[in-house]
Amino acid sequence: MKFRSDPATIRGSIAPVVTPFTEDGELDLASLRALVRWQLAQGSHGISTGGSTGEPSAQTVDERIAAMAAVAAETADQVPFLPGTGSAKLDETLRLTAEAERLGADAALVITPYYARPTQEALFQWYATVATEFPSLPIVIYNVPSRTAVDIAPETVARLRRAHANIVGIKETTKDFEHFSRVLQLCGRDFLMWSGIELLCLPLLAIGGVGFVSAVANLAPSAVARMYTAYTEGDHKTALDLHYALHPLVDLLFVETNPAPAKLVLERRGLITSRHVRPPLIPPTDAGIARIEELLAQSEGVA
């Protein structure tokens, strides 16, 4: 809650941590808390849970709340806490957001409702409902059309921003870089924007973004955080060097569906107890593992 009153302080590399499970598929809160401690020790500027990398759609609402509680307790106001609280159902979204507020989250990351393919007016009403229900909690729109099948238009984002003071920013996970620019142009350059596309994290800073919520921070949190810091301190060469050095790990993340490759690597490093992903995902195949090992070899010295 420390950063809630000034969401503009939620900057830099906000690590969207995986949700560890045991070999039997149960929620592994001990591993989750250990991951958060490791992220903080590695220099991540904030922590997120319950985003796409956290497999939220494969968890019950109660499990998602338990995970949020564990992360909130471990983060303990050391850095901003930005949990994902969205669902395909409005009642679940409201319950999860209420719990995030109660647990001291600094802002709630609310995904566009998936599968239903709502219109722009429906998206406006969805976010307006959430913002009205929690007027004291900063709300961050989470736009990820590759997973939700709907793209919130820059004009809709601007309309929401004008109507609700607590809609403070957006996580853009679209490869349409013009979309990033048009959102900032319509909403104002003080609107907060984080990139969820790994290879657009650094470019976003050049047009006014405030950071990134990048899955590659699960594997190389220090490098991702240093890339942000180097850029903001004017050391653009170091920032570029890190950007390109991270490419193999970015490719690794998507050898098969994220977060399965990341969980394999984290298990091998002893940071989580199991690589288990819940159906419909599966752990990496033999062919996938071979490619992951090739990319790990290319990234030596970064991760």
Protein backbone atom coordinates (compact mmCIF):
# COMPACT_ATOMS: atom_id res chain seq x y z
CA MET A 1 0.00 0.00 0.00
CA LYS A 2 3.02 2.27 0.37
CA PHE A 3 2.99 3.23 -3.31
CA ARG A 4 -0.79 3.33 -3.79
CA SER A 5 -1.10 7.05 -3.17
CA ASP A 6 1.41 7.82 -5.93
CA PRO A 7 1.15 5.19 -8.67
CA ALA A 8 3.67 7.11 -10.78
CA THR A 9 6.29 5.57 -8.49
CA ILE A 10 5.47 2.11 -9.89
CA ARG A 11 8.29 2.15 -12.43
CA GLY A 12 11.00 -0.04 -13.82
CA SER A 13 11.00 -3.81 -14.06
CA ILE A 14 7.87 -5.22 -12.44
CA ALA A 15 8.52 -8.97 -12.41
CA PRO A 16 5.42 -11.06 -13.30
CA VAL A 17 6.30 -14.17 -11.32
CA VAL A 18 5.17 -17.66 -12.25
CA THR A 19 2.83 -19.52 -9.93
CA PRO A 20 4.66 -22.64 -8.70
CA PHE A 21 2.80 -25.90 -8.25
CA THR A 22 3.89 -29.16 -6.64
CA GLU A 23 4.40 -32.32 -8.68
CA ASP A 24 0.81 -33.21 -7.73
CA GLY A 25 -0.46 -29.90 -9.11
CA GLU A 26 -1.15 -28.20 -5.79
CA LEU A 27 -0.36 -24.54 -5.16
CA ASP A 28 3.21 -24.24 -3.81
CA LEU A 29 3.16 -21.09 -1.71
CA ALA A 30 6.56 -21.77 -0.14
CA SER A 31 8.19 -21.73 -3.58
CA LEU A 32 6.22 -18.64 -4.54
CA ARG A 33 7.44 -16.75 -1.49
CA ALA A 34 11.01 -17.90 -2.17
CA LEU A 35 10.72 -16.64 -5.75
CA VAL A 36 9.65 -13.23 -4.51
CA ARG A 37 12.59 -13.07 -2.10
CA TRP A 38 14.94 -13.97 -4.97
CA GLN A 39 13.38 -11.32 -7.22
CA LEU A 40 13.88 -8.67 -4.57
CA ALA A 41 17.48 -9.74 -3.99
CA GLN A 42 18.10 -9.54 -7.76
CA GLY A 43 16.90 -5.95 -7.91
CA SER A 44 13.44 -6.14 -9.49
CA HIS A 45 11.64 -2.83 -9.02
CA GLY A 46 8.24 -4.39 -8.31
CA ILE A 47 6.33 -7.67 -8.22
CA SER A 48 3.23 -8.81 -10.08
CA THR A 49 1.33 -12.06 -9.75
CA GLY A 50 -1.74 -13.46 -11.44
CA GLY A 51 -0.90 -12.21 -14.93
CA SER A 52 -0.70 -14.50 -17.96
CA THR A 53 2.64 -15.96 -16.80
CA GLY A 54 0.98 -16.90 -13.51
CA GLU A 55 -1.62 -19.24 -15.10
CA PRO A 56 -4.59 -17.48 -13.50
CA SER A 57 -7.23 -19.13 -15.66
CA ALA A 58 -6.12 -22.55 -14.38
CA GLN A 59 -6.64 -21.56 -10.74
CA THR A 60 -9.66 -21.11 -8.52
CA VAL A 61 -10.42 -17.66 -7.18
CA ASP A 62 -9.45 -18.87 -3.70
CA GLU A 63 -6.07 -20.06 -5.00
CA ARG A 64 -5.45 -16.73 -6.69
CA ILE A 65 -6.26 -14.92 -3.45
CA ALA A 66 -3.91 -17.21 -1.50
CA ALA A 67 -1.13 -16.48 -4.00
CA MET A 68 -1.76 -12.72 -3.73
CA ALA A 69 -1.64 -12.93 0.05
CA ALA A 70 1.69 -14.78 -0.02
CA VAL A 71 3.24 -12.26 -2.40
CA ALA A 72 1.88 -9.28 -0.48
CA ALA A 73 3.33 -10.63 2.76
CA GLU A 74 6.73 -11.27 1.18
CA THR A 75 6.88 -7.97 -0.68
CA ALA A 76 5.90 -6.08 2.47
CA ASP A 77 6.04 -2.62 0.89
CA GLN A 78 9.68 -3.00 -0.12
CA VAL A 79 8.68 -2.49 -3.76
CA PRO A 80 5.34 -1.93 -5.48
CA PHE A 81 2.94 -4.87 -5.64
CA LEU A 82 0.78 -5.01 -8.77
CA PRO A 83 -1.38 -8.17 -8.79
CA GLY A 84 -3.48 -9.31 -11.70
CA THR A 85 -7.12 -9.37 -10.59
CA GLY A 86 -8.99 -9.80 -13.86
CA SER A 87 -11.12 -12.70 -14.99
CA ALA A 88 -13.57 -13.51 -17.76
CA LYS A 89 -16.33 -12.98 -15.17
CA LEU A 90 -17.15 -9.65 -13.58
CA ASP A 91 -18.08 -11.06 -10.16
CA GLU A 92 -14.71 -12.83 -9.94
CA THR A 93 -12.88 -9.70 -11.07
CA LEU A 94 -14.59 -7.63 -8.40
CA ARG A 95 -13.86 -10.20 -5.68
CA LEU A 96 -10.21 -10.53 -6.66
CA THR A 97 -9.79 -6.75 -6.86
CA ALA A 98 -11.41 -6.32 -3.45
CA GLU A 99 -8.96 -8.82 -1.98
CA ALA A 100 -6.03 -7.08 -3.66
CA GLU A 101 -7.12 -3.80 -2.12
CA ARG A 102 -7.52 -5.43 1.31
CA LEU A 103 -4.09 -7.07 1.06
CA GLY A 104 -2.41 -3.73 0.40
CA ALA A 105 -1.79 -3.90 -3.34
CA ASP A 106 -0.48 -0.67 -4.81
CA ALA A 107 -2.57 -1.07 -7.97
CA ALA A 108 -4.69 -3.75 -9.62
CA LEU A 109 -3.81 -5.09 -13.07
CA VAL A 110 -7.14 -5.91 -14.75
CA ILE A 111 -7.06 -7.92 -17.97
CA THR A 112 -9.58 -7.32 -20.73
CA PRO A 113 -12.24 -10.05 -20.36
CA TYR A 114 -11.28 -12.97 -22.52
CA TYR A 115 -13.18 -15.28 -24.89
CA ALA A 116 -16.38 -13.17 -25.08
CA ARG A 117 -14.93 -10.62 -27.53
CA PRO A 118 -16.76 -7.60 -26.05
CA THR A 119 -17.29 -4.40 -28.03
CA GLN A 120 -15.44 -1.20 -27.17
CA GLU A 121 -18.54 0.08 -25.37
CA ALA A 122 -18.71 -3.14 -23.37
CA LEU A 123 -15.04 -2.78 -22.44
CA PHE A 124 -15.68 0.79 -21.35
CA GLN A 125 -18.52 -0.33 -19.09
CA TRP A 126 -16.47 -3.24 -17.70
CA TYR A 127 -13.57 -1.05 -16.62
CA ALA A 128 -15.89 1.74 -15.49
CA THR A 129 -17.61 -0.73 -13.17
CA VAL A 130 -14.30 -1.85 -11.64
CA ALA A 131 -13.04 1.72 -11.28
CA THR A 132 -16.27 2.88 -9.66
CA GLU A 133 -16.30 -0.02 -7.22
CA PHE A 134 -12.74 0.75 -6.02
CA PRO A 135 -12.30 4.53 -6.24
CA SER A 136 -9.25 4.57 -3.96
CA LEU A 137 -7.35 1.82 -5.77
CA PRO A 138 -5.29 2.62 -8.88
CA ILE A 139 -6.47 0.49 -11.80
CA VAL A 140 -4.14 -0.56 -14.62
CA ILE A 141 -5.71 -1.87 -17.82
CA TYR A 142 -4.07 -5.03 -19.14
CA ASN A 143 -4.28 -5.26 -22.92
CA VAL A 144 -3.16 -8.63 -24.29
CA PRO A 145 -5.13 -9.38 -27.47
CA SER A 146 -3.12 -12.51 -28.32
CA ARG A 147 -4.69 -14.19 -25.28
CA THR A 148 -8.04 -12.42 -24.95
CA ALA A 149 -9.07 -12.04 -28.62
CA VAL A 150 -9.98 -8.40 -28.00
CA ASP A 151 -7.89 -5.25 -28.34
CA ILE A 152 -8.90 -2.24 -26.28
CA ALA A 153 -8.72 0.76 -28.60
CA PRO A 154 -6.65 3.83 -27.70
CA GLU A 155 -9.84 5.91 -27.87
CA THR A 156 -11.51 3.64 -25.30
CA VAL A 157 -8.50 3.90 -23.00
CA ALA A 158 -8.59 7.69 -23.30
CA ARG A 159 -12.31 7.76 -22.57
CA LEU A 160 -11.78 5.68 -19.43
CA ARG A 161 -8.91 7.86 -18.33
CA ARG A 162 -11.08 10.99 -18.64
CA ALA A 163 -13.99 9.38 -16.79
CA HIS A 164 -12.12 7.76 -13.89
CA ALA A 165 -9.17 9.35 -12.11
CA ASN A 166 -8.11 6.00 -10.64
CA ILE A 167 -7.54 4.44 -14.07
CA VAL A 168 -3.90 5.42 -14.09
CA GLY A 169 -2.20 3.30 -16.72
CA ILE A 170 -2.02 0.34 -19.03
CA LYS A 171 0.13 -2.72 -19.56
CA GLU A 172 0.41 -3.05 -23.33
CA THR A 173 1.07 -6.57 -24.55
CA THR A 174 0.62 -5.99 -28.26
CA LYS A 175 3.26 -5.97 -30.97
CA ASP A 176 1.55 -2.99 -32.63
CA PHE A 177 3.96 -0.32 -31.46
CA GLU A 178 1.81 2.40 -33.01
CA HIS A 179 -0.85 1.40 -30.48
CA PHE A 180 1.53 2.32 -27.66
CA SER A 181 2.13 5.77 -29.11
CA ARG A 182 -1.52 6.49 -29.85
CA VAL A 183 -2.56 5.60 -26.31
CA LEU A 184 -0.04 8.04 -24.86
CA GLN A 185 -0.96 10.71 -27.38
CA LEU A 186 -4.69 10.45 -26.56
CA CYS A 187 -4.36 9.89 -22.81
CA GLY A 188 -1.53 12.32 -22.15
CA ARG A 189 2.09 11.55 -21.60
CA ASP A 190 1.59 11.38 -17.84
CA PHE A 191 -0.53 8.25 -18.35
CA LEU A 192 1.49 5.28 -17.10
CA MET A 193 2.45 2.61 -19.59
CA TRP A 194 4.35 -0.64 -19.12
CA SER A 195 5.33 -3.04 -21.89
CA GLY A 196 4.45 -6.70 -21.68
CA ILE A 197 6.23 -7.50 -24.96
CA GLU A 198 9.82 -8.39 -24.12
CA LEU A 199 11.49 -6.93 -27.20
CA LEU A 200 9.51 -3.69 -26.94
CA CYS A 201 10.45 -2.99 -23.31
CA LEU A 202 13.44 -0.83 -24.10
CA PRO A 203 11.87 0.96 -27.11
CA LEU A 204 8.84 1.91 -25.01
CA LEU A 205 11.03 3.98 -22.69
CA ALA A 206 12.01 6.20 -25.63
CA ILE A 207 8.39 7.30 -26.20
CA GLY A 208 7.48 7.85 -22.56
CA GLY A 209 6.81 4.44 -21.02
CA VAL A 210 7.56 3.94 -17.33
CA GLY A 211 8.77 0.36 -17.39
CA PHE A 212 7.86 -3.20 -18.17
CA VAL A 213 6.06 -6.24 -16.83
CA SER A 214 8.16 -8.72 -18.74
CA ALA A 215 8.13 -12.51 -18.36
CA VAL A 216 11.89 -12.65 -19.04
CA ALA A 217 12.37 -11.16 -15.57
CA ASN A 218 11.54 -14.64 -14.26
CA LEU A 219 14.87 -15.84 -15.67
CA ALA A 220 17.11 -12.77 -15.63
CA PRO A 221 15.65 -10.29 -13.15
CA SER A 222 18.91 -8.45 -12.56
CA ALA A 223 19.58 -7.89 -16.26
CA VAL A 224 16.04 -6.66 -16.93
CA ALA A 225 16.15 -4.28 -13.98
CA ARG A 226 19.60 -3.01 -14.99
CA MET A 227 18.38 -2.37 -18.53
CA TYR A 228 15.75 0.03 -17.17
CA THR A 229 18.16 1.72 -14.78
CA ALA A 230 20.86 2.13 -17.41
CA TYR A 231 18.44 3.77 -19.83
CA THR A 232 16.99 6.16 -17.26
CA GLU A 233 20.49 7.14 -16.13
CA GLY A 234 21.49 7.96 -19.70
CA ASP A 235 23.71 4.92 -20.26
CA HIS A 236 22.01 3.93 -23.48
CA LYS A 237 24.86 1.69 -24.64
CA THR A 238 24.55 -0.56 -21.60
CA ALA A 239 20.78 -0.60 -21.98
CA LEU A 240 21.13 -1.66 -25.63
CA ASP A 241 23.74 -4.28 -24.78
CA LEU A 242 21.38 -5.82 -22.22
CA HIS A 243 18.42 -5.62 -24.61
CA TYR A 244 20.25 -7.66 -27.23
CA ALA A 245 21.85 -10.01 -24.71
CA LEU A 246 18.36 -10.94 -23.48
CA HIS A 247 17.16 -12.07 -26.92
CA PRO A 248 17.97 -15.79 -26.44
CA LEU A 249 16.07 -15.86 -23.14
CA VAL A 250 13.11 -14.14 -24.78
CA ASP A 251 13.14 -16.81 -27.48
CA LEU A 252 13.44 -19.48 -24.78
CA LEU A 253 10.26 -18.29 -23.05
CA PHE A 254 8.21 -19.02 -26.13
CA VAL A 255 9.78 -22.26 -27.38
CA GLU A 256 6.51 -23.71 -26.11
CA THR A 257 3.65 -21.95 -24.37
CA ASN A 258 4.72 -19.57 -21.59
CA PRO A 259 5.28 -20.28 -18.68
CA ALA A 260 6.21 -23.93 -19.29
CA PRO A 261 9.79 -23.20 -20.50
CA ALA A 262 10.40 -20.71 -17.68
CA LYS A 263 9.24 -23.22 -15.08
CA LEU A 264 11.61 -25.84 -16.46
CA VAL A 265 14.56 -23.48 -16.07
CA LEU A 266 13.49 -22.34 -12.61
CA GLU A 267 13.15 -25.95 -11.46
CA ARG A 268 16.61 -26.80 -12.79
CA ARG A 269 18.06 -23.86 -10.89
CA GLY A 270 16.40 -25.05 -7.68
CA LEU A 271 14.22 -21.95 -7.42
CA ILE A 272 10.97 -23.93 -7.53
CA THR A 273 10.33 -27.55 -6.64
CA SER A 274 8.49 -28.58 -9.80
CA ARG A 275 8.07 -27.60 -13.46
CA HIS A 276 4.38 -28.54 -13.26
CA VAL A 277 1.95 -26.48 -15.36
CA ARG A 278 -1.76 -27.08 -15.17
CA PRO A 279 -3.81 -28.34 -18.10
CA PRO A 280 -4.34 -27.44 -20.84
CA LEU A 281 -0.61 -26.62 -20.72
CA ILE A 282 2.01 -29.37 -20.53
CA PRO A 283 5.68 -29.31 -19.51
CA PRO A 284 8.16 -28.86 -22.38
CA THR A 285 8.49 -31.77 -24.78
CA ASP A 286 11.83 -33.43 -25.50
CA ALA A 287 12.22 -31.31 -28.65
CA GLY A 288 11.36 -28.22 -26.67
CA ILE A 289 13.88 -29.06 -23.97
CA ALA A 290 16.63 -29.49 -26.58
CA ARG A 291 15.90 -26.04 -27.98
CA ILE A 292 15.70 -24.53 -24.48
CA GLU A 293 19.16 -25.92 -23.71
CA GLU A 294 20.56 -24.37 -26.90
CA LEU A 295 19.16 -20.98 -25.98
CA LEU A 296 20.40 -21.25 -22.40
CA ALA A 297 23.89 -21.83 -23.73
CA GLN A 298 23.58 -18.68 -25.87
CA SER A 299 22.46 -16.64 -22.86
CA GLU A 300 25.32 -17.62 -20.58
CA GLY A 301 26.43 -14.65 -18.55
CA VAL A 302 23.06 -12.90 -18.70
CA ALA A 303 20.78 -15.15 -16.65
